[in-house]
N, C-alpha and C. Protein backbone atom coordinates (compact mmCIF):
# COMPACT_ATOMS: atom_id res chain seq x y z
N MET A 1 0.99 -1.17 -0.05
CA MET A 1 0.18 -0.06 0.15
C MET A 1 0.74 1.19 0.02
N SER A 2 0.84 2.51 -0.71
CA SER A 2 1.17 3.35 -0.77
C SER A 2 1.09 4.08 0.93
N ASP A 3 2.12 5.41 0.50
CA ASP A 3 1.86 5.97 2.25
C ASP A 3 0.74 6.73 2.14
N ILE A 4 0.00 6.70 3.50
CA ILE A 4 -1.04 7.13 4.12
C ILE A 4 -0.86 7.86 5.18
N ILE A 5 -1.21 9.58 4.53
CA ILE A 5 -1.04 10.64 5.51
C ILE A 5 -2.52 11.11 6.56
N LEU A 6 -1.97 11.26 7.44
CA LEU A 6 -3.26 12.05 8.16
C LEU A 6 -2.67 13.67 8.69
N ALA A 7 -3.52 14.77 8.05
CA ALA A 7 -3.04 16.20 8.41
C ALA A 7 -4.13 16.68 9.19
N ILE A 8 -3.88 17.57 10.10
CA ILE A 8 -4.83 18.12 10.88
C ILE A 8 -4.45 19.54 11.09
N ASP A 9 -5.57 20.59 11.08
CA ASP A 9 -5.26 21.80 11.31
C ASP A 9 -6.72 22.55 11.89
N THR A 10 -5.83 22.79 13.34
CA THR A 10 -6.63 23.65 14.24
C THR A 10 -6.48 24.95 14.59
N SER A 11 -5.76 25.21 13.74
CA SER A 11 -4.93 26.88 14.32
C SER A 11 -5.92 28.20 13.99
N ILE A 12 -6.76 28.07 13.29
CA ILE A 12 -7.49 29.18 13.71
C ILE A 12 -8.63 29.18 14.09
N ASP A 13 -10.32 29.83 13.69
CA ASP A 13 -11.52 29.31 13.74
C ASP A 13 -11.76 27.79 13.31
N TYR A 14 -11.38 27.50 12.10
CA TYR A 14 -11.78 26.42 11.66
C TYR A 14 -11.11 25.30 11.85
N CYS A 15 -11.60 24.14 12.14
CA CYS A 15 -10.82 22.74 12.05
C CYS A 15 -11.04 22.17 10.66
N SER A 16 -9.53 21.74 10.10
CA SER A 16 -9.74 20.79 9.32
C SER A 16 -9.34 19.39 8.81
N VAL A 17 -9.34 18.81 8.27
CA VAL A 17 -8.70 17.20 8.58
C VAL A 17 -8.56 16.47 7.39
N ALA A 18 -7.21 15.77 6.88
CA ALA A 18 -7.38 15.64 5.47
C ALA A 18 -6.67 14.02 5.31
N ILE A 19 -6.85 13.14 4.85
CA ILE A 19 -6.34 11.98 4.39
C ILE A 19 -5.65 11.85 2.95
N TYR A 20 -4.35 11.24 3.22
CA TYR A 20 -3.82 11.51 1.57
C TYR A 20 -3.66 9.80 1.46
N LYS A 21 -4.06 9.24 0.69
CA LYS A 21 -4.42 7.78 0.10
C LYS A 21 -3.96 7.40 -1.31
N LYS A 22 -2.98 6.89 -1.57
CA LYS A 22 -3.34 6.38 -3.05
C LYS A 22 -3.79 7.58 -4.11
N LYS A 23 -3.21 8.62 -4.13
CA LYS A 23 -3.01 9.95 -4.23
C LYS A 23 -4.34 10.68 -4.64
N ILE A 24 -5.16 10.19 -3.68
CA ILE A 24 -6.32 10.98 -3.57
C ILE A 24 -6.27 11.48 -1.92
N ILE A 25 -6.98 12.73 -1.94
CA ILE A 25 -7.10 13.39 -0.59
C ILE A 25 -8.93 13.60 -0.51
N TYR A 26 -9.05 12.87 1.16
CA TYR A 26 -9.78 13.04 1.19
C TYR A 26 -10.27 13.81 2.49
N SER A 27 -11.20 15.04 2.99
CA SER A 27 -11.10 16.02 3.52
C SER A 27 -12.22 16.54 4.29
N LEU A 28 -12.22 17.20 5.19
CA LEU A 28 -13.75 17.91 5.82
C LEU A 28 -12.98 18.88 6.83
N SER A 29 -13.65 20.15 6.19
CA SER A 29 -13.38 21.27 7.11
C SER A 29 -14.81 21.95 7.42
N GLU A 30 -14.95 22.47 8.58
CA GLU A 30 -15.88 23.22 9.80
C GLU A 30 -15.91 24.08 10.61
N ASN A 31 -16.42 25.30 10.74
CA ASN A 31 -16.33 26.25 11.39
C ASN A 31 -16.18 25.67 13.33
N CYS A 32 -15.45 25.46 13.33
CA CYS A 32 -15.30 25.05 15.35
C CYS A 32 -15.61 26.37 16.25
N LYS A 33 -15.49 27.24 15.86
CA LYS A 33 -15.63 28.44 16.76
C LYS A 33 -14.44 28.20 17.81
N LYS A 34 -15.08 27.74 18.73
CA LYS A 34 -14.16 27.23 20.01
C LYS A 34 -14.76 26.52 20.75
N GLU A 35 -15.15 24.89 19.84
CA GLU A 35 -15.30 23.91 19.78
C GLU A 35 -14.25 22.90 19.29
N HIS A 36 -13.05 23.63 19.34
CA HIS A 36 -11.96 22.81 18.44
C HIS A 36 -11.78 21.24 18.86
N THR A 37 -11.68 21.21 20.73
CA THR A 37 -11.78 20.03 21.09
C THR A 37 -12.59 19.02 21.08
N LYS A 38 -14.06 19.48 21.17
CA LYS A 38 -15.04 18.83 20.31
C LYS A 38 -15.11 17.90 19.28
N LYS A 39 -14.97 19.06 18.38
CA LYS A 39 -15.37 18.60 16.94
C LYS A 39 -14.01 17.68 16.24
N ILE A 40 -13.14 18.25 16.60
CA ILE A 40 -11.60 17.56 15.68
C ILE A 40 -11.85 16.36 15.98
N LEU A 41 -11.86 14.92 16.84
CA LEU A 41 -11.54 14.00 16.96
C LEU A 41 -13.05 13.09 16.31
N PRO A 42 -14.15 13.39 16.16
CA PRO A 42 -15.26 13.19 15.19
C PRO A 42 -14.92 13.36 13.87
N MET A 43 -14.29 14.50 13.36
CA MET A 43 -14.50 14.75 12.41
C MET A 43 -12.65 13.68 11.46
N ILE A 44 -11.78 13.54 12.54
CA ILE A 44 -10.73 12.97 11.66
C ILE A 44 -11.40 11.35 11.82
N GLN A 45 -12.13 10.62 12.68
CA GLN A 45 -13.02 9.68 12.70
C GLN A 45 -14.18 9.66 11.10
N LYS A 46 -14.89 10.61 10.82
CA LYS A 46 -14.92 11.03 9.53
C LYS A 46 -14.64 10.46 8.32
N VAL A 47 -13.61 11.33 8.46
CA VAL A 47 -12.40 11.14 7.31
C VAL A 47 -11.82 9.48 6.92
N LEU A 48 -11.68 8.86 8.23
CA LEU A 48 -11.31 7.59 8.31
C LEU A 48 -12.16 6.82 7.81
N ILE A 49 -13.12 7.12 8.03
CA ILE A 49 -13.98 6.09 7.34
C ILE A 49 -14.45 6.31 5.58
N ASN A 50 -14.14 7.55 5.28
CA ASN A 50 -14.33 7.82 4.06
C ASN A 50 -13.80 7.31 3.10
N ALA A 51 -12.17 7.19 3.78
CA ALA A 51 -11.00 6.83 3.42
C ALA A 51 -10.62 5.55 3.61
N LYS A 52 -11.94 4.49 3.94
CA LYS A 52 -11.94 3.09 4.39
C LYS A 52 -10.64 2.66 4.70
N ILE A 53 -10.46 3.34 6.13
CA ILE A 53 -9.08 2.95 6.59
C ILE A 53 -9.30 3.19 8.58
N THR A 54 -8.50 2.72 8.96
CA THR A 54 -8.47 3.00 10.43
C THR A 54 -6.68 3.52 10.69
N LEU A 55 -6.87 4.15 12.12
CA LEU A 55 -5.85 4.84 12.33
C LEU A 55 -4.48 4.22 12.25
N LYS A 56 -4.71 2.96 12.27
CA LYS A 56 -3.34 1.78 12.53
C LYS A 56 -2.67 1.71 11.04
N ASP A 57 -3.62 2.26 9.99
CA ASP A 57 -3.06 2.03 8.52
C ASP A 57 -2.39 3.10 8.78
N LEU A 58 -2.22 4.26 9.00
CA LEU A 58 -1.20 5.74 9.28
C LEU A 58 -0.10 5.36 8.70
N ASN A 59 0.60 6.29 7.77
CA ASN A 59 2.32 6.07 7.78
C ASN A 59 2.89 7.58 8.53
N TYR A 60 2.12 8.37 8.39
CA TYR A 60 2.81 9.69 8.57
C TYR A 60 1.40 10.72 9.29
N VAL A 61 2.02 11.84 9.91
CA VAL A 61 0.85 12.27 10.80
C VAL A 61 1.40 13.78 10.36
N ALA A 62 0.86 14.63 10.53
CA ALA A 62 1.23 16.33 10.44
C ALA A 62 0.09 17.59 10.95
N PHE A 63 0.78 18.20 10.84
CA PHE A 63 0.00 19.25 11.86
C PHE A 63 0.42 20.67 11.41
N SER A 64 -0.74 21.53 11.63
CA SER A 64 -0.28 22.99 11.26
C SER A 64 0.29 23.40 12.55
N LYS A 65 1.45 23.72 12.56
CA LYS A 65 2.29 24.54 13.82
C LYS A 65 2.04 25.65 14.11
N GLY A 66 1.25 26.74 13.55
CA GLY A 66 1.49 27.50 13.50
C GLY A 66 2.41 28.75 13.06
N PRO A 67 2.02 29.89 12.75
CA PRO A 67 0.94 30.98 13.81
C PRO A 67 -0.45 30.94 14.32
N GLY A 68 -0.99 31.18 15.17
CA GLY A 68 -2.25 31.04 15.06
C GLY A 68 -2.75 31.18 16.61
N LYS A 69 -3.81 30.42 16.73
CA LYS A 69 -4.35 30.69 18.38
C LYS A 69 -3.87 29.75 19.06
N PHE A 70 -3.60 29.80 20.25
CA PHE A 70 -2.36 29.17 20.95
C PHE A 70 -3.37 27.54 21.52
N THR A 71 -4.29 27.88 21.80
CA THR A 71 -5.28 26.55 22.36
C THR A 71 -5.67 25.85 21.14
N GLY A 72 -5.88 26.16 19.71
CA GLY A 72 -5.95 25.55 18.94
C GLY A 72 -4.28 24.95 18.35
N ILE A 73 -3.88 25.67 18.57
CA ILE A 73 -2.33 24.39 18.18
C ILE A 73 -2.18 23.86 19.25
N ARG A 74 -2.37 24.16 20.51
CA ARG A 74 -1.65 22.76 21.06
C ARG A 74 -2.30 21.39 20.72
N ILE A 75 -3.85 21.66 20.93
CA ILE A 75 -4.70 20.74 20.23
C ILE A 75 -4.51 19.79 19.27
N ALA A 76 -4.18 20.51 18.10
CA ALA A 76 -3.53 19.90 16.99
C ALA A 76 -2.12 18.80 17.07
N ILE A 77 -1.15 19.45 18.03
CA ILE A 77 -0.06 19.43 18.50
C ILE A 77 -0.35 17.65 19.09
N GLY A 78 -0.84 18.16 19.78
CA GLY A 78 -1.39 17.06 21.07
C GLY A 78 -2.37 15.89 20.85
N ILE A 79 -3.05 16.05 19.25
CA ILE A 79 -3.55 14.93 19.41
C ILE A 79 -2.24 13.69 17.78
N ALA A 80 -1.29 15.17 17.55
CA ALA A 80 -0.41 14.39 16.46
C ALA A 80 0.85 13.76 17.11
N GLN A 81 1.41 14.17 17.86
CA GLN A 81 2.25 13.77 18.91
C GLN A 81 1.76 12.19 19.62
N SER A 82 0.45 12.22 19.99
CA SER A 82 -0.27 11.45 20.41
C SER A 82 -0.03 9.96 19.07
N LEU A 83 -0.36 10.38 18.35
CA LEU A 83 -0.86 9.40 17.09
C LEU A 83 0.82 9.13 16.82
N SER A 84 1.18 9.74 16.76
CA SER A 84 3.09 9.36 16.44
C SER A 84 3.83 8.42 17.18
N LEU A 85 3.61 8.85 18.28
CA LEU A 85 4.30 8.27 19.66
C LEU A 85 3.48 6.46 19.78
N SER A 86 2.37 6.67 19.66
CA SER A 86 1.54 5.45 19.72
C SER A 86 1.44 4.27 18.39
N LEU A 87 1.51 4.96 17.82
CA LEU A 87 1.32 3.90 16.22
C LEU A 87 2.95 4.18 15.73
N LYS A 88 3.92 4.79 16.31
CA LYS A 88 5.58 5.05 16.11
C LYS A 88 5.54 5.26 14.44
N ILE A 89 4.76 6.36 14.22
CA ILE A 89 5.23 6.77 12.76
C ILE A 89 5.66 8.03 12.76
N PRO A 90 6.06 8.27 12.00
CA PRO A 90 6.77 9.92 11.91
C PRO A 90 5.83 11.26 11.78
N ILE A 91 6.30 12.54 12.24
CA ILE A 91 5.61 13.67 12.26
C ILE A 91 6.11 14.53 11.75
N PHE A 92 5.07 15.26 11.07
CA PHE A 92 5.59 16.68 10.43
C PHE A 92 4.34 18.20 11.15
N GLY A 93 5.72 18.97 11.12
CA GLY A 93 4.97 20.29 11.61
C GLY A 93 5.08 21.07 10.47
N ILE A 94 3.60 21.82 10.28
CA ILE A 94 4.29 22.78 9.27
C ILE A 94 3.34 24.24 9.13
N SER A 95 3.95 25.04 8.73
CA SER A 95 3.62 26.65 9.45
C SER A 95 2.79 27.09 8.77
N THR A 96 1.52 27.71 9.53
CA THR A 96 0.32 28.15 8.91
C THR A 96 -0.21 28.80 7.98
N LEU A 97 1.14 29.85 7.54
CA LEU A 97 1.07 31.06 6.73
C LEU A 97 1.47 30.36 5.50
N SER A 98 2.50 29.03 5.44
CA SER A 98 2.72 28.61 4.51
C SER A 98 1.48 27.39 3.94
N ILE A 99 0.89 27.46 4.70
CA ILE A 99 -0.39 26.20 4.43
C ILE A 99 -1.37 27.10 3.38
N LEU A 100 -1.91 28.51 3.94
CA LEU A 100 -2.61 29.40 3.24
C LEU A 100 -1.69 29.77 1.65
N ALA A 101 -0.19 29.50 1.88
CA ALA A 101 0.18 30.45 0.66
C ALA A 101 -0.44 28.91 -0.72
N GLU A 102 -0.14 27.91 0.22
CA GLU A 102 -0.04 26.61 -0.95
C GLU A 102 -1.32 26.72 -1.54
N GLN A 103 -2.48 26.91 -0.76
CA GLN A 103 -3.67 27.04 -0.73
C GLN A 103 -3.92 28.09 -2.05
N ALA A 104 -3.35 28.98 -2.09
CA ALA A 104 -3.24 30.17 -2.89
C ALA A 104 -3.13 29.55 -4.31
N TRP A 105 -1.97 28.83 -4.35
CA TRP A 105 -1.58 28.05 -5.47
C TRP A 105 -2.33 27.16 -5.84
N ARG A 106 -2.87 26.08 -4.86
CA ARG A 106 -4.10 24.94 -5.60
C ARG A 106 -5.47 26.01 -6.32
N LYS A 107 -5.40 26.91 -5.38
CA LYS A 107 -7.26 27.47 -5.96
C LYS A 107 -6.85 28.72 -7.40
N TYR A 108 -5.58 29.29 -7.06
CA TYR A 108 -5.34 30.27 -8.30
C TYR A 108 -3.89 29.83 -9.22
N LYS A 109 -3.22 29.21 -8.75
CA LYS A 109 -1.64 29.01 -9.16
C LYS A 109 -1.05 30.25 -8.86
N LYS A 110 -1.30 30.97 -7.86
CA LYS A 110 -0.73 32.28 -7.60
C LYS A 110 0.68 31.76 -6.80
N LYS A 111 1.84 32.81 -7.54
CA LYS A 111 3.21 31.89 -6.49
C LYS A 111 4.04 33.35 -5.76
N LYS A 112 3.20 34.48 -6.13
CA LYS A 112 3.88 35.43 -4.80
C LYS A 112 2.56 35.96 -4.14
N ILE A 113 2.96 35.45 -2.65
CA ILE A 113 1.48 35.54 -1.77
C ILE A 113 2.29 36.40 -0.51
N LEU A 114 1.40 37.29 -0.18
CA LEU A 114 1.41 37.72 1.00
C LEU A 114 0.42 37.30 2.20
N VAL A 115 0.63 37.08 2.88
CA VAL A 115 0.29 35.63 3.76
C VAL A 115 -0.41 36.54 5.05
N ALA A 116 -1.51 36.99 5.72
CA ALA A 116 -1.77 38.04 6.88
C ALA A 116 -2.65 37.02 8.03
N ILE A 117 -2.48 36.99 8.76
CA ILE A 117 -3.50 36.38 9.87
C ILE A 117 -3.39 36.81 11.26
N TYR A 118 -4.40 37.33 11.59
CA TYR A 118 -5.01 38.16 12.67
C TYR A 118 -4.20 37.79 14.15
N ALA A 119 -3.72 38.60 14.80
CA ALA A 119 -3.32 38.06 16.11
C ALA A 119 -3.94 38.44 16.84
N LYS A 120 -3.77 39.73 17.19
CA LYS A 120 -4.45 40.87 18.13
C LYS A 120 -4.60 42.25 17.79
N ILE A 121 -5.23 42.96 18.73
CA ILE A 121 -5.69 44.44 18.16
C ILE A 121 -4.29 44.79 17.94
N GLY A 122 -4.58 45.44 16.69
CA GLY A 122 -2.91 45.97 16.28
C GLY A 122 -1.89 45.28 15.55
N GLU A 123 -1.93 43.90 15.72
CA GLU A 123 -1.10 42.92 15.28
C GLU A 123 -1.48 41.81 14.31
N VAL A 124 -0.17 41.69 13.37
CA VAL A 124 -0.86 40.05 12.79
C VAL A 124 0.77 39.34 12.32
N TYR A 125 0.62 38.22 12.08
CA TYR A 125 1.19 37.01 11.31
C TYR A 125 1.47 37.61 10.53
N TRP A 126 2.67 37.45 9.93
CA TRP A 126 2.74 37.98 8.76
C TRP A 126 4.14 36.88 7.80
N GLY A 127 3.58 36.99 6.63
CA GLY A 127 5.06 36.23 6.21
C GLY A 127 5.02 36.38 4.46
N ARG A 128 5.87 36.63 3.41
CA ARG A 128 6.08 36.55 2.09
C ARG A 128 6.43 35.36 1.64
N TYR A 129 5.72 34.64 1.07
CA TYR A 129 6.30 33.56 0.58
C TYR A 129 6.12 33.32 -1.27
N ILE A 130 6.99 33.07 -1.68
CA ILE A 130 7.24 32.83 -3.55
C ILE A 130 7.56 31.24 -4.11
N LYS A 131 6.66 31.20 -4.69
CA LYS A 131 6.83 29.59 -5.38
C LYS A 131 8.38 29.55 -6.40
N ASN A 132 9.07 29.02 -6.13
CA ASN A 132 10.23 29.55 -6.93
C ASN A 132 10.07 28.57 -8.44
N ASP A 133 11.06 28.72 -9.17
CA ASP A 133 11.25 27.61 -10.55
C ASP A 133 10.95 25.93 -10.32
N SER A 134 11.47 25.60 -9.27
CA SER A 134 11.16 24.35 -9.48
C SER A 134 10.11 24.14 -8.36
N LEU A 135 9.16 24.93 -8.64
CA LEU A 135 7.69 25.18 -7.78
C LEU A 135 7.69 24.64 -5.95
N LEU A 136 8.87 25.06 -5.15
CA LEU A 136 9.30 24.86 -3.97
C LEU A 136 9.00 26.25 -3.34
N TRP A 137 8.24 26.14 -2.24
CA TRP A 137 7.96 27.53 -1.63
C TRP A 137 8.95 28.01 -0.68
N THR A 138 9.73 29.35 -1.04
CA THR A 138 10.80 29.83 -0.05
C THR A 138 9.68 30.95 0.42
N GLY A 139 9.81 31.23 2.05
CA GLY A 139 9.55 32.38 2.55
C GLY A 139 9.44 32.15 4.33
N GLU A 140 9.63 31.07 4.77
CA GLU A 140 9.26 30.76 5.90
C GLU A 140 10.24 31.32 7.23
N HIS A 141 11.23 32.02 6.39
CA HIS A 141 12.38 32.74 7.26
C HIS A 141 11.63 34.45 7.43
N THR A 142 10.64 34.59 6.59
CA THR A 142 10.07 36.08 6.32
C THR A 142 8.87 36.17 7.55
N GLU A 143 8.71 34.95 8.39
CA GLU A 143 7.69 34.82 9.12
C GLU A 143 7.58 36.05 10.48
N SER A 144 6.63 36.59 10.66
CA SER A 144 6.96 37.29 12.17
C SER A 144 5.57 38.03 12.79
N LEU A 145 5.69 38.70 13.85
CA LEU A 145 4.64 39.44 14.46
C LEU A 145 4.74 40.59 14.13
N VAL A 146 4.28 41.57 13.74
CA VAL A 146 3.87 42.60 13.09
C VAL A 146 2.91 43.92 13.11
N LYS A 147 3.36 45.01 13.98
CA LYS A 147 2.31 45.77 14.00
C LYS A 147 1.38 45.98 12.46
N ILE A 148 0.38 46.36 12.38
CA ILE A 148 -0.71 46.88 11.35
C ILE A 148 -0.09 47.56 10.74
N ASN A 149 0.28 48.84 11.33
CA ASN A 149 0.71 49.91 11.14
C ASN A 149 2.43 49.88 10.21
N GLU A 150 2.81 49.08 10.61
CA GLU A 150 3.78 48.78 10.12
C GLU A 150 3.96 47.95 8.64
N ILE A 151 3.13 47.03 9.24
CA ILE A 151 2.74 46.29 7.36
C ILE A 151 2.49 47.49 6.08
N GLU A 152 1.22 48.35 6.73
CA GLU A 152 0.46 49.16 5.62
C GLU A 152 1.79 50.22 5.70
N LYS A 153 2.69 50.71 5.70
CA LYS A 153 3.86 51.39 5.46
C LYS A 153 4.69 50.38 4.68
N LYS A 154 5.14 49.49 5.09
CA LYS A 154 5.96 48.21 4.17
C LYS A 154 5.47 48.06 2.71
N ILE A 155 3.87 47.44 2.40
CA ILE A 155 3.81 47.45 1.36
C ILE A 155 3.43 48.49 0.40
N LYS A 156 3.02 49.65 0.52
CA LYS A 156 3.75 50.79 -0.39
C LYS A 156 4.83 51.13 -1.01
N THR A 157 5.74 49.88 -0.26
CA THR A 157 7.18 50.12 -1.12
C THR A 157 7.13 48.91 -2.01
N PHE A 158 6.56 48.16 -2.16
CA PHE A 158 6.56 46.58 -3.01
C PHE A 158 6.17 46.97 -4.32
N GLN A 159 6.75 46.68 -5.45
CA GLN A 159 6.46 47.31 -7.00
C GLN A 159 6.06 46.18 -7.19
N LYS A 160 6.14 44.67 -7.21
CA LYS A 160 5.74 43.11 -7.86
C LYS A 160 4.29 43.27 -7.68
N LYS A 161 3.71 42.78 -7.91
CA LYS A 161 2.61 41.95 -7.98
C LYS A 161 2.15 40.79 -6.90
N TRP A 162 1.57 40.91 -5.70
CA TRP A 162 1.42 40.07 -5.03
C TRP A 162 -0.34 39.94 -4.70
N THR A 163 0.22 38.47 -4.60
CA THR A 163 -1.84 38.06 -3.95
C THR A 163 -1.65 38.31 -2.41
N LEU A 164 -2.80 38.60 -1.30
CA LEU A 164 -3.21 38.79 -0.69
C LEU A 164 -4.03 37.77 -0.26
N VAL A 165 -3.60 36.94 0.87
CA VAL A 165 -4.29 36.23 1.73
C VAL A 165 -4.49 35.86 2.86
N GLY A 166 -5.44 35.06 3.83
CA GLY A 166 -5.38 35.12 5.01
C GLY A 166 -6.51 36.55 5.75
N ASN A 167 -6.85 36.13 7.17
CA ASN A 167 -8.17 37.29 7.62
C ASN A 167 -7.35 38.44 8.21
N GLY A 168 -6.02 38.56 8.40
CA GLY A 168 -5.74 39.59 8.58
C GLY A 168 -6.01 40.69 7.89
N TRP A 169 -5.76 40.79 6.31
CA TRP A 169 -5.91 41.64 5.48
C TRP A 169 -7.64 42.15 5.83
N GLU A 170 -8.27 41.74 6.39
CA GLU A 170 -9.49 42.43 7.07
C GLU A 170 -8.94 43.75 7.99
N LYS A 171 -8.00 43.65 8.54
CA LYS A 171 -7.51 44.49 9.58
C LYS A 171 -6.25 45.59 9.03
N ILE A 172 -6.14 45.21 7.78
CA ILE A 172 -4.83 46.22 7.53
C ILE A 172 -5.42 46.98 6.34
N LYS A 173 -5.03 47.97 6.06
CA LYS A 173 -5.04 48.92 4.70
C LYS A 173 -4.31 48.86 3.79
N TRP A 174 -4.70 48.41 2.65
CA TRP A 174 -4.03 48.37 1.57
C TRP A 174 -4.75 49.27 0.19
N GLU A 175 -3.90 49.58 -0.74
CA GLU A 175 -4.03 50.04 -1.87
C GLU A 175 -4.57 48.95 -2.98
N ASN A 176 -6.20 49.42 -3.43
CA ASN A 176 -6.92 48.67 -4.07
C ASN A 176 -6.02 48.88 -5.76
N THR A 177 -4.77 48.59 -6.21
CA THR A 177 -4.42 48.64 -7.16
C THR A 177 -3.53 47.64 -7.91
N LEU A 178 -2.77 47.68 -8.84
CA LEU A 178 -2.80 46.31 -9.76
C LEU A 178 -1.71 45.77 -8.77
N LYS A 179 -0.66 46.13 -8.29
CA LYS A 179 0.18 45.75 -6.95
C LYS A 179 -0.51 44.27 -6.49
N PHE A 180 -1.66 44.73 -5.97
CA PHE A 180 -2.23 43.42 -5.04
C PHE A 180 -3.43 42.95 -5.80
N GLU A 181 -3.84 42.06 -5.13
CA GLU A 181 -5.14 41.10 -5.51
C GLU A 181 -5.46 40.38 -4.46
N LYS A 182 -6.65 40.78 -3.70
CA LYS A 182 -6.14 40.26 -2.72
C LYS A 182 -7.85 38.53 -3.11
N LYS A 183 -7.75 37.70 -2.40
CA LYS A 183 -8.38 36.37 -2.24
C LYS A 183 -9.01 36.39 -0.91
N GLU A 184 -10.56 35.57 -1.00
CA GLU A 184 -11.00 35.45 0.01
C GLU A 184 -10.71 34.26 0.76
N MET A 185 -9.53 33.87 1.02
CA MET A 185 -9.07 32.96 1.49
C MET A 185 -8.48 33.26 3.08
N LEU A 186 -9.50 32.76 4.23
CA LEU A 186 -9.81 33.18 5.43
C LEU A 186 -8.84 32.54 6.33
N HIS A 187 -8.78 31.07 6.08
CA HIS A 187 -8.77 29.97 6.39
C HIS A 187 -7.81 29.08 6.38
N PRO A 188 -6.84 28.37 6.64
CA PRO A 188 -6.13 27.28 6.13
C PRO A 188 -7.01 25.98 6.28
N ASN A 189 -6.50 25.03 5.12
CA ASN A 189 -6.86 24.03 4.89
C ASN A 189 -5.92 22.86 5.16
N ALA A 190 -6.61 21.69 5.80
CA ALA A 190 -5.52 20.35 5.56
C ALA A 190 -4.95 19.78 4.55
N LYS A 191 -6.26 19.60 3.70
CA LYS A 191 -5.50 19.17 2.71
C LYS A 191 -4.12 19.96 1.93
N ASP A 192 -3.72 21.30 2.57
CA ASP A 192 -2.86 21.71 1.61
C ASP A 192 -1.39 21.47 2.36
N ILE A 193 -1.69 20.80 3.74
CA ILE A 193 -1.02 20.64 4.24
C ILE A 193 0.38 19.34 3.44
N ILE A 194 -0.69 18.49 2.95
CA ILE A 194 -0.11 16.92 2.17
C ILE A 194 1.08 17.67 1.49
N PRO A 195 0.81 18.37 0.25
CA PRO A 195 2.14 18.48 -1.06
C PRO A 195 3.58 18.93 0.01
N PHE A 196 3.51 19.31 1.31
CA PHE A 196 4.70 19.64 2.09
C PHE A 196 4.74 18.46 2.91
N CYS A 197 4.07 17.52 3.23
CA CYS A 197 4.44 16.51 3.66
C CYS A 197 5.38 15.48 2.60
N LEU A 198 4.49 15.80 1.66
CA LEU A 198 5.30 14.38 0.33
C LEU A 198 6.54 14.95 -0.04
N LEU A 199 6.68 16.14 0.20
CA LEU A 199 8.34 16.82 -0.15
C LEU A 199 9.14 16.19 0.98
N LYS A 200 8.54 16.65 2.09
CA LYS A 200 9.35 16.07 3.55
C LYS A 200 9.90 14.64 3.56
N ILE A 201 8.67 13.42 2.68
CA ILE A 201 9.15 12.46 3.06
C ILE A 201 10.23 12.09 1.90
N LYS A 202 9.80 12.91 0.96
CA LYS A 202 10.74 12.77 0.13
C LYS A 202 12.08 12.68 0.27
N ASN A 203 12.65 13.67 0.93
CA ASN A 203 13.57 14.15 1.43
C ASN A 203 13.88 13.59 3.00
N GLN A 204 13.39 12.86 3.43
CA GLN A 204 13.23 12.18 5.01
C GLN A 204 13.49 13.16 6.09
N GLU A 205 12.51 14.28 5.79
CA GLU A 205 12.82 15.25 6.76
C GLU A 205 11.61 15.66 7.76
N PHE A 206 11.83 14.43 9.04
CA PHE A 206 11.02 14.23 9.87
C PHE A 206 11.71 14.72 10.98
N LEU A 207 10.51 15.52 11.83
CA LEU A 207 10.35 15.75 13.34
C LEU A 207 11.25 15.02 14.38
N HIS A 208 11.23 14.84 15.53
CA HIS A 208 11.42 13.74 16.53
C HIS A 208 10.63 13.82 17.41
N ARG A 209 10.20 12.70 17.38
CA ARG A 209 8.55 12.64 18.20
C ARG A 209 9.27 12.52 20.28
N THR A 210 8.47 13.42 20.62
CA THR A 210 8.75 14.07 22.07
C THR A 210 8.64 13.08 22.94
N LYS A 211 9.55 13.15 23.61
CA LYS A 211 8.76 11.83 24.94
C LYS A 211 7.58 11.55 25.69
N THR A 212 6.99 13.08 25.72
CA THR A 212 5.88 13.18 26.19
C THR A 212 4.80 13.39 25.55
N SER A 213 3.64 13.62 25.61
CA SER A 213 2.48 14.20 25.10
C SER A 213 1.28 13.91 25.67
N ASN A 214 0.28 14.31 25.39
CA ASN A 214 -0.98 14.65 25.91
C ASN A 214 -1.75 13.28 25.65
N ASN A 215 -2.56 12.76 26.62
CA ASN A 215 -3.24 10.91 26.41
C ASN A 215 -4.16 11.38 25.51
N TYR A 216 -4.54 12.01 24.34
CA TYR A 216 -5.27 11.46 23.53
C TYR A 216 -5.68 10.28 23.16
N LEU A 217 -4.66 9.42 22.65
CA LEU A 217 -5.05 8.21 21.52
C LEU A 217 -5.93 7.16 22.86
N ASP A 218 -5.64 6.80 24.03
CA ASP A 218 -6.50 5.84 24.45
C ASP A 218 -7.82 5.86 24.33
N ASN A 219 -8.14 7.42 24.49
CA ASN A 219 -9.55 7.49 24.37
C ASN A 219 -10.16 8.20 23.04
N LEU A 220 -9.30 7.89 22.19
CA LEU A 220 -9.83 8.53 21.04
C LEU A 220 -10.95 8.30 20.53
N PHE A 221 -11.69 7.05 20.38
CA PHE A 221 -12.74 7.30 19.85
C PHE A 221 -13.49 5.97 20.07
């Protein structure tokens, strides 16, 4: 059987789950608001059923590592770590901002992405992502927590055309010019974690399993 990957995102208001099996992605996304803990495990179960597999069939597990909401990120980390340790499978952590950039590529084939996620009053998590000629993303080194007024000043100096994604742009004032194109992509989706996982599997880039994790698995379903 080919590699089977479970991907989880609970980094913002939405929860999403994706399973990659035999080059097919099975996925589910819901607005969880503040009910991530309540909803994410039943969602995983639904996607497992749709893919006609069980937890024991998984070869890899991946999660959105942030930036985002602290509680949501901890939930995804806890589930992913528990699965990794219990099933003895590799684990991946993928940047939330890069996941949104990949979504822009999947939907619109855009290669130059400015990602902004609302953090707190007056600040956003921000990153500049570019897909190079080898179709690999660069930009994780640009990620930072930035004041909104600093972003507004910075983007005035940009010359090339950029695509804007993420809920942070609802708070940022930007010029509606040919330099910028805003897409209504406010939430990351776990299905966009999969391409990063496939590349990491190819390159054998795995996170080390931690020695301790939250005890989700014993009573998972």
